[in-house]
Amino acid sequence: MARIMIVDDAAFMRLSLKQILTANNLEVVAEAQTGKEAIYAYEIYRPDIVIMDITMPDMDGIEAVKGIKELDPKAKIIMCSAMGQQQMIIKAMEAGAIDFIVKPFHNNRVIGSVTNAL
């Protein structure tokens, strides 16, 4: 079973993703609200996949991707963003993200992205 960490500053977005993932027999092992929390939690939990928002307080998702990649160059990180953030998505992919999903989440797209990452 894949172990996943969800990173988003909005609790309802974390809940939404968690419901999609757990309904598809995927385990959410950790959640974080900020980029700094994400790096710290990654070090502790070493999830198989991280699903991370781009826009967060204290440290954005792009900087957090870089921080996690420093800890683990093989980390699999899927970015999530609202529509219209193409430049940010490109920066995230350059930083090491492997895919991105757009909010609001569609079950098939989320599960497809996770399956491809595995």
N, C-alpha and C. Protein backbone atom coordinates (compact mmCIF):
# COMPACT_ATOMS: atom_id res chain seq x y z
N MET A 1 0.84 -1.19 0.00
CA MET A 1 0.00 0.00 0.00
C MET A 1 0.88 1.25 0.00
N ALA A 2 0.59 2.16 -0.90
CA ALA A 2 1.37 3.39 -0.99
C ALA A 2 1.13 4.28 0.23
N ARG A 3 2.20 4.88 0.72
CA ARG A 3 2.13 5.79 1.86
C ARG A 3 2.26 7.21 1.32
N ILE A 4 1.28 8.06 1.64
CA ILE A 4 1.21 9.38 1.04
C ILE A 4 1.17 10.47 2.12
N MET A 5 1.84 11.59 1.82
CA MET A 5 1.75 12.78 2.67
C MET A 5 1.06 13.87 1.86
N ILE A 6 0.11 14.54 2.51
CA ILE A 6 -0.63 15.63 1.89
C ILE A 6 -0.16 16.95 2.51
N VAL A 7 0.17 17.92 1.65
CA VAL A 7 0.63 19.22 2.12
C VAL A 7 -0.24 20.31 1.50
N ASP A 8 -1.02 20.98 2.34
CA ASP A 8 -1.87 22.08 1.87
C ASP A 8 -2.24 22.91 3.09
N ASP A 9 -2.23 24.23 2.94
CA ASP A 9 -2.56 25.08 4.08
C ASP A 9 -4.07 25.09 4.38
N ALA A 10 -4.89 24.63 3.45
CA ALA A 10 -6.34 24.60 3.65
C ALA A 10 -6.78 23.22 4.15
N ALA A 11 -7.34 23.17 5.36
CA ALA A 11 -7.76 21.90 5.95
C ALA A 11 -8.77 21.17 5.08
N PHE A 12 -9.70 21.91 4.45
CA PHE A 12 -10.72 21.24 3.64
C PHE A 12 -10.11 20.60 2.39
N MET A 13 -9.03 21.17 1.87
CA MET A 13 -8.35 20.57 0.72
C MET A 13 -7.64 19.28 1.14
N ARG A 14 -7.00 19.31 2.31
CA ARG A 14 -6.36 18.09 2.82
C ARG A 14 -7.40 16.99 3.02
N LEU A 15 -8.53 17.37 3.60
CA LEU A 15 -9.60 16.41 3.84
C LEU A 15 -10.13 15.83 2.52
N SER A 16 -10.34 16.69 1.55
CA SER A 16 -10.84 16.26 0.24
C SER A 16 -9.90 15.24 -0.40
N LEU A 17 -8.61 15.55 -0.39
CA LEU A 17 -7.62 14.63 -0.95
C LEU A 17 -7.56 13.33 -0.16
N LYS A 18 -7.60 13.45 1.17
CA LYS A 18 -7.53 12.26 2.02
C LYS A 18 -8.69 11.32 1.72
N GLN A 19 -9.88 11.87 1.53
CA GLN A 19 -11.05 11.05 1.23
C GLN A 19 -10.89 10.32 -0.10
N ILE A 20 -10.38 11.01 -1.11
CA ILE A 20 -10.15 10.39 -2.42
C ILE A 20 -9.14 9.26 -2.29
N LEU A 21 -8.04 9.53 -1.60
CA LEU A 21 -6.96 8.55 -1.48
C LEU A 21 -7.38 7.33 -0.67
N THR A 22 -7.97 7.55 0.49
CA THR A 22 -8.34 6.41 1.35
C THR A 22 -9.46 5.58 0.72
N ALA A 23 -10.33 6.20 -0.04
CA ALA A 23 -11.39 5.46 -0.74
C ALA A 23 -10.80 4.53 -1.80
N ASN A 24 -9.57 4.80 -2.20
CA ASN A 24 -8.88 3.99 -3.20
C ASN A 24 -7.74 3.16 -2.58
N ASN A 25 -7.91 2.84 -1.31
CA ASN A 25 -6.97 1.97 -0.59
C ASN A 25 -5.54 2.49 -0.54
N LEU A 26 -5.40 3.82 -0.45
CA LEU A 26 -4.08 4.42 -0.27
C LEU A 26 -4.02 4.99 1.14
N GLU A 27 -2.86 4.90 1.75
CA GLU A 27 -2.70 5.31 3.14
C GLU A 27 -2.10 6.72 3.24
N VAL A 28 -2.77 7.60 3.97
CA VAL A 28 -2.23 8.93 4.23
C VAL A 28 -1.49 8.85 5.57
N VAL A 29 -0.17 8.94 5.51
CA VAL A 29 0.65 8.77 6.71
C VAL A 29 0.98 10.08 7.40
N ALA A 30 0.83 11.19 6.69
CA ALA A 30 1.16 12.48 7.29
C ALA A 30 0.47 13.60 6.53
N GLU A 31 0.27 14.71 7.25
CA GLU A 31 -0.27 15.93 6.65
C GLU A 31 0.56 17.09 7.15
N ALA A 32 0.67 18.12 6.33
CA ALA A 32 1.39 19.33 6.73
C ALA A 32 0.65 20.53 6.15
N GLN A 33 0.79 21.67 6.84
CA GLN A 33 0.11 22.90 6.42
C GLN A 33 1.02 23.89 5.73
N THR A 34 2.33 23.72 5.91
CA THR A 34 3.30 24.67 5.36
C THR A 34 4.47 23.92 4.73
N GLY A 35 5.24 24.61 3.94
CA GLY A 35 6.42 24.01 3.34
C GLY A 35 7.43 23.53 4.37
N LYS A 36 7.64 24.33 5.42
CA LYS A 36 8.59 23.93 6.47
C LYS A 36 8.12 22.66 7.16
N GLU A 37 6.81 22.60 7.48
CA GLU A 37 6.26 21.39 8.10
C GLU A 37 6.43 20.19 7.17
N ALA A 38 6.27 20.42 5.87
CA ALA A 38 6.37 19.34 4.89
C ALA A 38 7.76 18.71 4.91
N ILE A 39 8.79 19.54 4.94
CA ILE A 39 10.17 19.03 4.94
C ILE A 39 10.42 18.23 6.22
N TYR A 40 9.99 18.78 7.34
CA TYR A 40 10.15 18.11 8.63
C TYR A 40 9.41 16.76 8.64
N ALA A 41 8.16 16.77 8.19
CA ALA A 41 7.36 15.54 8.18
C ALA A 41 7.92 14.51 7.20
N TYR A 42 8.45 14.97 6.08
CA TYR A 42 9.04 14.05 5.11
C TYR A 42 10.19 13.28 5.75
N GLU A 43 11.00 14.01 6.48
CA GLU A 43 12.16 13.39 7.12
C GLU A 43 11.73 12.31 8.12
N ILE A 44 10.63 12.53 8.81
CA ILE A 44 10.14 11.57 9.80
C ILE A 44 9.44 10.37 9.15
N TYR A 45 8.51 10.66 8.24
CA TYR A 45 7.63 9.62 7.71
C TYR A 45 8.12 8.94 6.42
N ARG A 46 8.97 9.61 5.65
CA ARG A 46 9.47 9.08 4.38
C ARG A 46 8.35 8.44 3.55
N PRO A 47 7.34 9.23 3.19
CA PRO A 47 6.23 8.68 2.40
C PRO A 47 6.69 8.31 0.99
N ASP A 48 5.90 7.45 0.34
CA ASP A 48 6.20 7.06 -1.04
C ASP A 48 5.93 8.21 -2.00
N ILE A 49 4.91 8.99 -1.67
CA ILE A 49 4.51 10.12 -2.53
C ILE A 49 4.09 11.29 -1.66
N VAL A 50 4.41 12.50 -2.13
CA VAL A 50 3.95 13.74 -1.49
C VAL A 50 3.04 14.44 -2.50
N ILE A 51 1.87 14.85 -2.03
CA ILE A 51 0.99 15.70 -2.84
C ILE A 51 1.02 17.07 -2.19
N MET A 52 1.56 18.07 -2.90
CA MET A 52 1.84 19.37 -2.29
C MET A 52 1.23 20.53 -3.05
N ASP A 53 0.61 21.42 -2.28
CA ASP A 53 0.09 22.67 -2.83
C ASP A 53 1.26 23.58 -3.18
N ILE A 54 1.06 24.44 -4.14
CA ILE A 54 2.11 25.40 -4.50
C ILE A 54 2.09 26.61 -3.57
N THR A 55 0.91 27.16 -3.34
CA THR A 55 0.80 28.41 -2.59
C THR A 55 0.50 28.14 -1.11
N MET A 56 1.48 28.44 -0.25
CA MET A 56 1.34 28.25 1.20
C MET A 56 2.10 29.34 1.94
N PRO A 57 1.70 29.59 3.19
CA PRO A 57 2.46 30.57 3.98
C PRO A 57 3.82 30.02 4.39
N ASP A 58 4.72 30.86 4.73
CA ASP A 58 6.08 30.63 5.26
C ASP A 58 7.07 30.07 4.24
N MET A 59 6.65 29.13 3.42
CA MET A 59 7.54 28.60 2.38
C MET A 59 6.63 27.97 1.33
N ASP A 60 6.76 28.41 0.10
CA ASP A 60 5.86 27.88 -0.92
C ASP A 60 6.25 26.45 -1.31
N GLY A 61 5.38 25.82 -2.09
CA GLY A 61 5.59 24.44 -2.48
C GLY A 61 6.86 24.22 -3.28
N ILE A 62 7.24 25.20 -4.07
CA ILE A 62 8.45 25.06 -4.89
C ILE A 62 9.69 24.97 -4.00
N GLU A 63 9.77 25.83 -3.01
CA GLU A 63 10.91 25.78 -2.07
C GLU A 63 10.87 24.49 -1.27
N ALA A 64 9.68 24.04 -0.90
CA ALA A 64 9.55 22.79 -0.15
C ALA A 64 9.98 21.59 -0.99
N VAL A 65 9.65 21.60 -2.30
CA VAL A 65 10.11 20.53 -3.19
C VAL A 65 11.64 20.48 -3.16
N LYS A 66 12.28 21.64 -3.28
CA LYS A 66 13.74 21.69 -3.26
C LYS A 66 14.28 21.13 -1.95
N GLY A 67 13.65 21.50 -0.84
CA GLY A 67 14.08 21.02 0.48
C GLY A 67 13.93 19.51 0.62
N ILE A 68 12.82 18.97 0.15
CA ILE A 68 12.61 17.52 0.22
C ILE A 68 13.58 16.79 -0.70
N LYS A 69 13.81 17.34 -1.88
CA LYS A 69 14.74 16.72 -2.83
C LYS A 69 16.17 16.71 -2.29
N GLU A 70 16.52 17.69 -1.45
CA GLU A 70 17.84 17.68 -0.81
C GLU A 70 17.95 16.49 0.16
N LEU A 71 16.85 16.20 0.87
CA LEU A 71 16.82 15.08 1.80
C LEU A 71 16.82 13.75 1.05
N ASP A 72 16.06 13.71 -0.04
CA ASP A 72 15.86 12.47 -0.79
C ASP A 72 15.69 12.79 -2.27
N PRO A 73 16.78 12.69 -3.03
CA PRO A 73 16.71 13.01 -4.47
C PRO A 73 15.69 12.18 -5.24
N LYS A 74 15.29 11.02 -4.69
CA LYS A 74 14.33 10.15 -5.37
C LYS A 74 12.89 10.41 -4.92
N ALA A 75 12.66 11.41 -4.10
CA ALA A 75 11.31 11.72 -3.60
C ALA A 75 10.37 11.94 -4.78
N LYS A 76 9.15 11.41 -4.66
CA LYS A 76 8.12 11.57 -5.68
C LYS A 76 7.11 12.59 -5.19
N ILE A 77 7.08 13.73 -5.85
CA ILE A 77 6.23 14.84 -5.41
C ILE A 77 5.29 15.24 -6.53
N ILE A 78 4.00 15.25 -6.20
CA ILE A 78 2.96 15.70 -7.13
C ILE A 78 2.49 17.05 -6.63
N MET A 79 2.53 18.05 -7.49
CA MET A 79 2.09 19.39 -7.10
C MET A 79 0.60 19.55 -7.38
N CYS A 80 -0.06 20.37 -6.59
CA CYS A 80 -1.43 20.72 -6.90
C CYS A 80 -1.55 22.24 -6.87
N SER A 81 -2.37 22.75 -7.79
CA SER A 81 -2.51 24.20 -7.90
C SER A 81 -3.89 24.54 -8.43
N ALA A 82 -4.24 25.78 -8.25
CA ALA A 82 -5.49 26.27 -8.83
C ALA A 82 -5.24 26.56 -10.31
N MET A 83 -6.28 26.73 -11.05
CA MET A 83 -6.15 27.05 -12.47
C MET A 83 -5.36 28.34 -12.64
N GLY A 84 -4.67 28.45 -13.76
CA GLY A 84 -4.00 29.70 -14.08
C GLY A 84 -2.65 29.90 -13.44
N GLN A 85 -2.06 28.84 -12.91
CA GLN A 85 -0.75 28.97 -12.28
C GLN A 85 0.32 28.25 -13.09
N GLN A 86 0.21 28.32 -14.41
CA GLN A 86 1.12 27.58 -15.28
C GLN A 86 2.59 27.87 -15.01
N GLN A 87 2.93 29.14 -14.79
CA GLN A 87 4.34 29.48 -14.53
C GLN A 87 4.84 28.80 -13.26
N MET A 88 3.98 28.77 -12.24
CA MET A 88 4.35 28.13 -10.98
C MET A 88 4.52 26.62 -11.18
N ILE A 89 3.66 26.03 -11.99
CA ILE A 89 3.75 24.59 -12.26
C ILE A 89 5.06 24.28 -12.95
N ILE A 90 5.44 25.10 -13.93
CA ILE A 90 6.71 24.90 -14.64
C ILE A 90 7.87 24.97 -13.65
N LYS A 91 7.85 25.96 -12.75
CA LYS A 91 8.91 26.09 -11.74
C LYS A 91 8.95 24.87 -10.83
N ALA A 92 7.78 24.37 -10.47
CA ALA A 92 7.71 23.19 -9.60
C ALA A 92 8.31 21.97 -10.29
N MET A 93 7.99 21.80 -11.57
CA MET A 93 8.53 20.67 -12.32
C MET A 93 10.06 20.81 -12.44
N GLU A 94 10.53 22.02 -12.66
CA GLU A 94 11.98 22.25 -12.74
C GLU A 94 12.66 21.95 -11.40
N ALA A 95 11.92 22.18 -10.30
CA ALA A 95 12.47 21.93 -8.97
C ALA A 95 12.48 20.44 -8.63
N GLY A 96 11.74 19.64 -9.42
CA GLY A 96 11.78 18.20 -9.18
C GLY A 96 10.44 17.51 -9.02
N ALA A 97 9.34 18.25 -9.11
CA ALA A 97 8.03 17.60 -9.04
C ALA A 97 7.86 16.71 -10.26
N ILE A 98 7.10 15.62 -10.11
CA ILE A 98 6.95 14.67 -11.22
C ILE A 98 5.62 14.81 -11.95
N ASP A 99 4.66 15.51 -11.34
CA ASP A 99 3.35 15.68 -11.98
C ASP A 99 2.63 16.81 -11.26
N PHE A 100 1.48 17.19 -11.80
CA PHE A 100 0.66 18.17 -11.12
C PHE A 100 -0.81 17.85 -11.35
N ILE A 101 -1.61 18.21 -10.37
CA ILE A 101 -3.06 18.07 -10.48
C ILE A 101 -3.67 19.44 -10.17
N VAL A 102 -4.79 19.72 -10.81
CA VAL A 102 -5.42 21.03 -10.69
C VAL A 102 -6.62 20.96 -9.75
N LYS A 103 -6.76 21.98 -8.91
CA LYS A 103 -7.93 22.10 -8.04
C LYS A 103 -9.07 22.71 -8.84
N PRO A 104 -10.31 22.36 -8.58
CA PRO A 104 -10.75 21.34 -7.62
C PRO A 104 -10.38 19.94 -8.11
N PHE A 105 -10.18 19.04 -7.15
CA PHE A 105 -9.70 17.71 -7.48
C PHE A 105 -10.76 16.83 -8.12
N HIS A 106 -10.34 16.07 -9.12
CA HIS A 106 -11.19 15.06 -9.75
C HIS A 106 -10.59 13.71 -9.38
N ASN A 107 -11.41 12.84 -8.81
CA ASN A 107 -10.94 11.55 -8.30
C ASN A 107 -10.04 10.82 -9.29
N ASN A 108 -10.49 10.67 -10.54
CA ASN A 108 -9.73 9.91 -11.53
C ASN A 108 -8.36 10.52 -11.80
N ARG A 109 -8.29 11.85 -11.83
CA ARG A 109 -7.02 12.52 -12.08
C ARG A 109 -6.05 12.32 -10.92
N VAL A 110 -6.57 12.42 -9.69
CA VAL A 110 -5.71 12.23 -8.51
C VAL A 110 -5.17 10.81 -8.49
N ILE A 111 -6.05 9.83 -8.63
CA ILE A 111 -5.63 8.43 -8.54
C ILE A 111 -4.71 8.07 -9.73
N GLY A 112 -5.00 8.61 -10.90
CA GLY A 112 -4.14 8.38 -12.06
C GLY A 112 -2.74 8.90 -11.83
N SER A 113 -2.64 10.09 -11.27
CA SER A 113 -1.34 10.70 -11.00
C SER A 113 -0.55 9.88 -9.99
N VAL A 114 -1.23 9.45 -8.91
CA VAL A 114 -0.57 8.64 -7.88
C VAL A 114 -0.12 7.31 -8.47
N THR A 115 -0.98 6.67 -9.24
CA THR A 115 -0.66 5.39 -9.86
C THR A 115 0.56 5.53 -10.78
N ASN A 116 0.60 6.58 -11.57
CA ASN A 116 1.74 6.82 -12.46
C ASN A 116 3.02 7.04 -11.67
N ALA A 117 2.91 7.73 -10.55
CA ALA A 117 4.10 8.01 -9.71
C ALA A 117 4.67 6.74 -9.12
N LEU A 118 3.80 5.80 -8.80
CA LEU A 118 4.26 4.55 -8.21
C LEU A 118 4.90 3.67 -9.26
